[in-house]
Amino acid sequence: MPNELQNHKRNIVQIKALQRASRRLEVRPLDPSAGRYLVTSASQPGLRYHVQIDPVQLSGHCTCRWAQHGGINCKHVLAVLREHYAAQGRQISFWRTRGAARRQHRSIIAGEELFATLRRRAA
């Protein structure tokens, strides 16, 4: 258990690495109005994870191993949040602290150990 907690904290600190990794994942909608999606595994191409998000709270549940062992905001959840806001014509960026998000001078969403900023996507 202590090792899992150490990995959990390390990945929260590395939110930008998770954000970059999330951009390479394929996201398929199952029921977008209910926040349900499938996300392809990066390491096992035939495997898809079920993800359900609450975009207002910047939270989600994923069936990946990381999430099943207590990890939050895995790259699959970040990929779905990115797709959700892209469908609304907005680009989302994730930040570890409110201060880091505030320095972007954009609208801020506070989530579970995560902050995000939103901006309109360039045409």
N, C-alpha and C. Protein backbone atom coordinates (compact mmCIF):
# COMPACT_ATOMS: atom_id res chain seq x y z
N MET A 1 0.80 -1.21 0.00
CA MET A 1 0.00 0.00 0.00
C MET A 1 0.84 1.27 0.00
N PRO A 2 1.90 1.40 0.81
CA PRO A 2 2.69 2.62 0.79
C PRO A 2 3.27 2.91 -0.60
N ASN A 3 3.70 1.88 -1.33
CA ASN A 3 4.24 2.08 -2.67
C ASN A 3 3.18 2.65 -3.60
N GLU A 4 1.93 2.17 -3.49
CA GLU A 4 0.84 2.69 -4.31
C GLU A 4 0.62 4.17 -4.02
N LEU A 5 0.65 4.55 -2.75
CA LEU A 5 0.46 5.96 -2.40
C LEU A 5 1.59 6.82 -2.93
N GLN A 6 2.82 6.32 -2.89
CA GLN A 6 3.94 7.07 -3.43
C GLN A 6 3.75 7.29 -4.93
N ASN A 7 3.34 6.26 -5.66
CA ASN A 7 3.10 6.40 -7.09
C ASN A 7 1.98 7.39 -7.36
N HIS A 8 0.94 7.34 -6.54
CA HIS A 8 -0.20 8.24 -6.67
C HIS A 8 0.28 9.69 -6.57
N LYS A 9 1.03 10.02 -5.54
CA LYS A 9 1.52 11.39 -5.36
C LYS A 9 2.46 11.79 -6.49
N ARG A 10 3.33 10.89 -6.91
CA ARG A 10 4.27 11.21 -7.98
C ARG A 10 3.51 11.60 -9.24
N ASN A 11 2.45 10.89 -9.58
CA ASN A 11 1.72 11.18 -10.80
C ASN A 11 0.90 12.46 -10.70
N ILE A 12 0.41 12.80 -9.52
CA ILE A 12 -0.28 14.08 -9.36
C ILE A 12 0.71 15.21 -9.64
N VAL A 13 1.92 15.07 -9.16
CA VAL A 13 2.94 16.09 -9.39
C VAL A 13 3.25 16.20 -10.88
N GLN A 14 3.17 15.09 -11.60
CA GLN A 14 3.52 15.07 -13.02
C GLN A 14 2.28 15.23 -13.91
N ILE A 15 1.39 16.15 -13.55
CA ILE A 15 0.14 16.31 -14.28
C ILE A 15 0.38 16.68 -15.74
N LYS A 16 1.42 17.43 -16.03
CA LYS A 16 1.69 17.80 -17.43
C LYS A 16 2.10 16.59 -18.25
N ALA A 17 2.83 15.64 -17.66
CA ALA A 17 3.18 14.40 -18.37
C ALA A 17 1.93 13.58 -18.63
N LEU A 18 1.02 13.52 -17.67
CA LEU A 18 -0.24 12.81 -17.88
C LEU A 18 -1.06 13.49 -18.96
N GLN A 19 -1.07 14.82 -18.95
CA GLN A 19 -1.82 15.56 -19.97
C GLN A 19 -1.28 15.26 -21.36
N ARG A 20 0.05 15.26 -21.51
CA ARG A 20 0.65 14.94 -22.82
C ARG A 20 0.28 13.52 -23.25
N ALA A 21 0.36 12.58 -22.33
CA ALA A 21 0.02 11.19 -22.65
C ALA A 21 -1.45 11.06 -23.04
N SER A 22 -2.31 11.84 -22.43
CA SER A 22 -3.74 11.76 -22.72
C SER A 22 -4.07 12.19 -24.15
N ARG A 23 -3.24 13.02 -24.73
CA ARG A 23 -3.48 13.51 -26.10
C ARG A 23 -3.30 12.42 -27.15
N ARG A 24 -2.57 11.37 -26.80
CA ARG A 24 -2.30 10.29 -27.75
C ARG A 24 -3.34 9.17 -27.70
N LEU A 25 -4.34 9.30 -26.84
CA LEU A 25 -5.32 8.24 -26.66
C LEU A 25 -6.56 8.48 -27.51
N GLU A 26 -7.10 7.39 -28.03
CA GLU A 26 -8.32 7.46 -28.82
C GLU A 26 -9.52 7.41 -27.87
N VAL A 27 -10.43 8.36 -28.02
CA VAL A 27 -11.62 8.44 -27.18
C VAL A 27 -12.84 8.22 -28.07
N ARG A 28 -13.70 7.27 -27.65
CA ARG A 28 -14.94 7.01 -28.39
C ARG A 28 -16.12 7.24 -27.45
N PRO A 29 -17.08 8.04 -27.89
CA PRO A 29 -18.25 8.28 -27.04
C PRO A 29 -19.16 7.06 -26.98
N LEU A 30 -19.65 6.75 -25.79
CA LEU A 30 -20.70 5.73 -25.62
C LEU A 30 -22.03 6.45 -25.42
N ASP A 31 -22.04 7.37 -24.44
CA ASP A 31 -23.22 8.17 -24.14
C ASP A 31 -22.73 9.50 -23.56
N PRO A 32 -22.34 10.43 -24.45
CA PRO A 32 -21.76 11.70 -23.97
C PRO A 32 -22.66 12.49 -23.03
N SER A 33 -23.97 12.41 -23.21
CA SER A 33 -24.87 13.16 -22.32
C SER A 33 -24.79 12.63 -20.89
N ALA A 34 -24.43 11.36 -20.72
CA ALA A 34 -24.24 10.77 -19.39
C ALA A 34 -22.76 10.73 -19.00
N GLY A 35 -21.88 11.28 -19.86
CA GLY A 35 -20.45 11.33 -19.57
C GLY A 35 -19.74 9.99 -19.71
N ARG A 36 -20.27 9.08 -20.54
CA ARG A 36 -19.69 7.74 -20.69
C ARG A 36 -18.93 7.60 -22.02
N TYR A 37 -17.69 7.10 -21.90
CA TYR A 37 -16.80 6.98 -23.06
C TYR A 37 -15.97 5.70 -22.96
N LEU A 38 -15.37 5.31 -24.09
CA LEU A 38 -14.36 4.26 -24.14
C LEU A 38 -13.05 4.91 -24.54
N VAL A 39 -11.95 4.49 -23.91
CA VAL A 39 -10.63 5.04 -24.22
C VAL A 39 -9.68 3.88 -24.47
N THR A 40 -8.96 3.94 -25.59
CA THR A 40 -8.01 2.90 -25.95
C THR A 40 -6.79 2.93 -25.04
N SER A 41 -6.33 1.77 -24.65
CA SER A 41 -5.11 1.66 -23.84
C SER A 41 -3.90 2.03 -24.68
N ALA A 42 -2.96 2.74 -24.11
CA ALA A 42 -1.73 3.10 -24.82
C ALA A 42 -0.78 1.90 -24.90
N SER A 43 -0.78 1.05 -23.88
CA SER A 43 0.17 -0.06 -23.84
C SER A 43 -0.38 -1.36 -24.41
N GLN A 44 -1.71 -1.49 -24.46
CA GLN A 44 -2.34 -2.69 -25.00
C GLN A 44 -3.38 -2.26 -26.02
N PRO A 45 -3.01 -2.13 -27.30
CA PRO A 45 -3.87 -1.54 -28.33
C PRO A 45 -5.29 -2.09 -28.44
N GLY A 46 -5.53 -3.36 -28.18
CA GLY A 46 -6.88 -3.91 -28.30
C GLY A 46 -7.75 -3.66 -27.08
N LEU A 47 -7.17 -3.15 -26.02
CA LEU A 47 -7.89 -2.96 -24.76
C LEU A 47 -8.50 -1.56 -24.70
N ARG A 48 -9.74 -1.50 -24.24
CA ARG A 48 -10.41 -0.21 -24.05
C ARG A 48 -10.91 -0.11 -22.62
N TYR A 49 -10.79 1.08 -22.06
CA TYR A 49 -11.25 1.33 -20.69
C TYR A 49 -12.56 2.10 -20.74
N HIS A 50 -13.44 1.77 -19.82
CA HIS A 50 -14.69 2.52 -19.66
C HIS A 50 -14.41 3.68 -18.73
N VAL A 51 -14.81 4.86 -19.16
CA VAL A 51 -14.60 6.08 -18.37
C VAL A 51 -15.92 6.82 -18.27
N GLN A 52 -16.23 7.26 -17.07
CA GLN A 52 -17.39 8.13 -16.87
C GLN A 52 -16.89 9.38 -16.16
N ILE A 53 -17.26 10.53 -16.69
CA ILE A 53 -16.76 11.80 -16.14
C ILE A 53 -17.89 12.66 -15.59
N ASP A 54 -17.48 13.55 -14.71
CA ASP A 54 -18.30 14.67 -14.27
C ASP A 54 -17.47 15.89 -14.64
N PRO A 55 -17.72 16.49 -15.81
CA PRO A 55 -16.86 17.58 -16.28
C PRO A 55 -16.89 18.82 -15.39
N VAL A 56 -17.97 19.05 -14.70
CA VAL A 56 -18.07 20.22 -13.82
C VAL A 56 -17.13 20.08 -12.63
N GLN A 57 -16.99 18.87 -12.11
CA GLN A 57 -16.14 18.60 -10.96
C GLN A 57 -14.73 18.16 -11.35
N LEU A 58 -14.44 18.07 -12.66
CA LEU A 58 -13.15 17.57 -13.16
C LEU A 58 -12.82 16.21 -12.55
N SER A 59 -13.80 15.35 -12.52
CA SER A 59 -13.56 14.04 -11.94
C SER A 59 -14.08 12.97 -12.87
N GLY A 60 -13.65 11.76 -12.63
CA GLY A 60 -14.12 10.65 -13.43
C GLY A 60 -13.74 9.33 -12.82
N HIS A 61 -14.36 8.30 -13.32
CA HIS A 61 -14.07 6.94 -12.90
C HIS A 61 -13.62 6.19 -14.14
N CYS A 62 -12.57 5.38 -13.97
CA CYS A 62 -12.00 4.64 -15.09
C CYS A 62 -11.79 3.20 -14.64
N THR A 63 -11.84 2.28 -15.60
CA THR A 63 -11.63 0.87 -15.29
C THR A 63 -10.16 0.46 -15.42
N CYS A 64 -9.26 1.41 -15.64
CA CYS A 64 -7.84 1.07 -15.76
C CYS A 64 -7.27 0.64 -14.41
N ARG A 65 -6.17 -0.03 -14.46
CA ARG A 65 -5.54 -0.56 -13.25
C ARG A 65 -5.16 0.56 -12.26
N TRP A 66 -4.65 1.65 -12.78
CA TRP A 66 -4.26 2.78 -11.94
C TRP A 66 -5.45 3.27 -11.11
N ALA A 67 -6.59 3.44 -11.77
CA ALA A 67 -7.78 3.92 -11.08
C ALA A 67 -8.32 2.88 -10.10
N GLN A 68 -8.22 1.63 -10.44
CA GLN A 68 -8.73 0.57 -9.56
C GLN A 68 -7.93 0.46 -8.28
N HIS A 69 -6.70 0.96 -8.27
CA HIS A 69 -5.86 0.93 -7.07
C HIS A 69 -5.79 2.28 -6.38
N GLY A 70 -6.82 3.11 -6.59
CA GLY A 70 -6.94 4.35 -5.85
C GLY A 70 -6.40 5.58 -6.55
N GLY A 71 -5.83 5.44 -7.74
CA GLY A 71 -5.33 6.61 -8.47
C GLY A 71 -6.49 7.44 -8.98
N ILE A 72 -6.34 8.73 -8.98
CA ILE A 72 -7.38 9.60 -9.52
C ILE A 72 -6.81 10.38 -10.69
N ASN A 73 -7.70 10.86 -11.53
CA ASN A 73 -7.30 11.67 -12.68
C ASN A 73 -6.25 10.98 -13.54
N CYS A 74 -6.52 9.73 -13.89
CA CYS A 74 -5.62 9.00 -14.79
C CYS A 74 -5.65 9.65 -16.17
N LYS A 75 -4.73 9.26 -17.02
CA LYS A 75 -4.65 9.86 -18.36
C LYS A 75 -5.90 9.58 -19.18
N HIS A 76 -6.61 8.50 -18.88
CA HIS A 76 -7.84 8.19 -19.62
C HIS A 76 -8.95 9.19 -19.27
N VAL A 77 -9.05 9.53 -17.98
CA VAL A 77 -10.02 10.54 -17.55
C VAL A 77 -9.65 11.89 -18.16
N LEU A 78 -8.37 12.23 -18.15
CA LEU A 78 -7.95 13.52 -18.74
C LEU A 78 -8.27 13.55 -20.23
N ALA A 79 -8.09 12.42 -20.93
CA ALA A 79 -8.39 12.36 -22.37
C ALA A 79 -9.88 12.61 -22.62
N VAL A 80 -10.72 12.03 -21.80
CA VAL A 80 -12.17 12.22 -21.96
C VAL A 80 -12.57 13.65 -21.63
N LEU A 81 -12.01 14.22 -20.57
CA LEU A 81 -12.31 15.62 -20.25
C LEU A 81 -11.89 16.53 -21.41
N ARG A 82 -10.72 16.25 -21.98
CA ARG A 82 -10.25 17.04 -23.13
C ARG A 82 -11.26 16.95 -24.28
N GLU A 83 -11.70 15.73 -24.61
CA GLU A 83 -12.67 15.54 -25.69
C GLU A 83 -14.00 16.20 -25.39
N HIS A 84 -14.44 16.10 -24.15
CA HIS A 84 -15.71 16.71 -23.76
C HIS A 84 -15.70 18.22 -24.01
N TYR A 85 -14.65 18.87 -23.56
CA TYR A 85 -14.59 20.33 -23.74
C TYR A 85 -14.28 20.71 -25.19
N ALA A 86 -13.56 19.88 -25.92
CA ALA A 86 -13.28 20.16 -27.34
C ALA A 86 -14.59 20.16 -28.14
N ALA A 87 -15.51 19.28 -27.78
CA ALA A 87 -16.81 19.23 -28.46
C ALA A 87 -17.60 20.52 -28.25
N GLN A 88 -17.27 21.26 -27.20
CA GLN A 88 -17.91 22.55 -26.93
C GLN A 88 -17.11 23.72 -27.49
N GLY A 89 -16.05 23.41 -28.25
CA GLY A 89 -15.23 24.45 -28.83
C GLY A 89 -14.26 25.07 -27.85
N ARG A 90 -13.90 24.33 -26.80
CA ARG A 90 -12.99 24.85 -25.78
C ARG A 90 -11.78 23.93 -25.64
N GLN A 91 -10.68 24.53 -25.28
CA GLN A 91 -9.46 23.79 -25.02
C GLN A 91 -9.20 23.82 -23.52
N ILE A 92 -8.88 22.66 -22.96
CA ILE A 92 -8.67 22.55 -21.52
C ILE A 92 -7.20 22.25 -21.24
N SER A 93 -6.67 22.86 -20.21
CA SER A 93 -5.30 22.58 -19.75
C SER A 93 -5.38 22.28 -18.26
N PHE A 94 -4.59 21.32 -17.81
CA PHE A 94 -4.64 20.87 -16.42
C PHE A 94 -3.45 21.40 -15.64
N TRP A 95 -3.69 21.70 -14.35
CA TRP A 95 -2.68 22.27 -13.46
C TRP A 95 -2.76 21.61 -12.11
N ARG A 96 -1.66 21.50 -11.45
CA ARG A 96 -1.60 20.85 -10.13
C ARG A 96 -2.10 21.75 -9.01
N THR A 97 -1.90 23.06 -9.14
CA THR A 97 -2.30 23.99 -8.08
C THR A 97 -3.18 25.11 -8.62
N ARG A 98 -3.96 25.69 -7.74
CA ARG A 98 -4.80 26.84 -8.13
C ARG A 98 -3.92 28.01 -8.59
N GLY A 99 -2.79 28.20 -7.91
CA GLY A 99 -1.89 29.29 -8.29
C GLY A 99 -1.38 29.14 -9.71
N ALA A 100 -1.01 27.92 -10.09
CA ALA A 100 -0.53 27.69 -11.46
C ALA A 100 -1.65 27.96 -12.47
N ALA A 101 -2.86 27.55 -12.14
CA ALA A 101 -4.00 27.80 -13.03
C ALA A 101 -4.31 29.29 -13.10
N ARG A 102 -4.25 29.98 -11.98
CA ARG A 102 -4.56 31.41 -11.92
C ARG A 102 -3.59 32.22 -12.80
N ARG A 103 -2.34 31.79 -12.87
CA ARG A 103 -1.34 32.52 -13.68
C ARG A 103 -1.66 32.50 -15.18
N GLN A 104 -2.60 31.65 -15.59
CA GLN A 104 -2.97 31.57 -17.01
C GLN A 104 -3.97 32.64 -17.42
N HIS A 105 -4.56 33.32 -16.42
CA HIS A 105 -5.54 34.38 -16.66
C HIS A 105 -6.70 33.88 -17.52
N ARG A 106 -7.21 32.72 -17.15
CA ARG A 106 -8.34 32.11 -17.85
C ARG A 106 -9.35 31.63 -16.81
N SER A 107 -10.50 31.20 -17.30
CA SER A 107 -11.51 30.63 -16.44
C SER A 107 -10.96 29.36 -15.79
N ILE A 108 -11.18 29.20 -14.48
CA ILE A 108 -10.63 28.07 -13.73
C ILE A 108 -11.74 27.15 -13.25
N ILE A 109 -11.50 25.86 -13.37
CA ILE A 109 -12.37 24.84 -12.79
C ILE A 109 -11.55 24.12 -11.74
N ALA A 110 -12.09 24.00 -10.53
CA ALA A 110 -11.41 23.28 -9.45
C ALA A 110 -11.97 21.86 -9.40
N GLY A 111 -11.08 20.88 -9.37
CA GLY A 111 -11.50 19.49 -9.31
C GLY A 111 -10.85 18.76 -8.16
N GLU A 112 -10.89 17.45 -8.23
CA GLU A 112 -10.32 16.59 -7.19
C GLU A 112 -8.81 16.52 -7.36
N GLU A 113 -8.08 17.26 -6.52
CA GLU A 113 -6.62 17.36 -6.60
C GLU A 113 -6.14 17.80 -7.98
N LEU A 114 -6.93 18.64 -8.64
CA LEU A 114 -6.64 19.05 -10.00
C LEU A 114 -7.35 20.36 -10.29
N PHE A 115 -6.72 21.20 -11.08
CA PHE A 115 -7.33 22.44 -11.55
C PHE A 115 -7.20 22.48 -13.06
N ALA A 116 -8.11 23.18 -13.71
CA ALA A 116 -8.06 23.30 -15.16
C ALA A 116 -8.38 24.72 -15.57
N THR A 117 -7.86 25.09 -16.73
CA THR A 117 -8.22 26.37 -17.34
C THR A 117 -8.84 26.07 -18.68
N LEU A 118 -9.76 26.95 -19.07
CA LEU A 118 -10.47 26.79 -20.34
C LEU A 118 -10.24 28.00 -21.21
N ARG A 119 -10.16 27.75 -22.50
CA ARG A 119 -10.14 28.85 -23.47
C ARG A 119 -10.80 28.39 -24.76
N ARG A 120 -11.23 29.33 -25.54
CA ARG A 120 -11.85 29.00 -26.83
C ARG A 120 -10.79 28.42 -27.75
N ARG A 121 -11.17 27.40 -28.49
CA ARG A 121 -10.24 26.80 -29.46
C ARG A 121 -10.08 27.72 -30.65
N ALA A 122 -8.87 27.77 -31.17
CA ALA A 122 -8.61 28.58 -32.37
C ALA A 122 -9.32 27.94 -33.56
N ALA A 123 -9.83 28.77 -34.42
CA ALA A 123 -10.59 28.27 -35.60
C ALA A 123 -9.70 27.61 -36.62
